[in-house]
Amino acid sequence: MSILLRVIVLSMLAALLHLPLSQPGFAAVVPAPPVSDVVLLPPTVQLYGHVTMIDVYSLSSGCYAVIELRDTPGKTVVVRLADDRLQSLLETALATGNLISFVGQRVTVSSPPRGGSWNMDAYAIDEIALYNKK
């Protein structure tokens, strides 16, 4: 009985101190608990380019703009935003031809608001910088 009591006490002590019960080098692999209710977001990126087109829909859909990337010649992306101030910066960039940078996350857009399809990457953005360079 005293041996059983000692084993229980040592097991409880090991559990409290998070000590492995097996010998070093032979520790049991404990699987991580399943994660639930966690949404993994795509990484935030910062890209540079020139605005070539702006398309504005109702306030619920927001604004879409087509941007030719500076660092990847020939690649065009679509950005989506809902803020009037950011839209104003895009309109200024379109009118002046100045360089912009935007910060956002790549998103999946099944189709544009009026239908059809895009064969470009789409980004939901929340930051724009307008440069005084063309």
Foldseek 3Di string as FASTA:
>chain_A
DVVVVVVVVVVVVCVVVVHAPDDPPPGDDDDDDDDPPDDDFADKDKFKFAWADKDADPLVQAIKTKTQTDVDHPAIAIEGERDPVVVVLNVVRNVVVFMKMWIFGWDDDQARPVGDHDPHIYTYTDDMDTDPHD
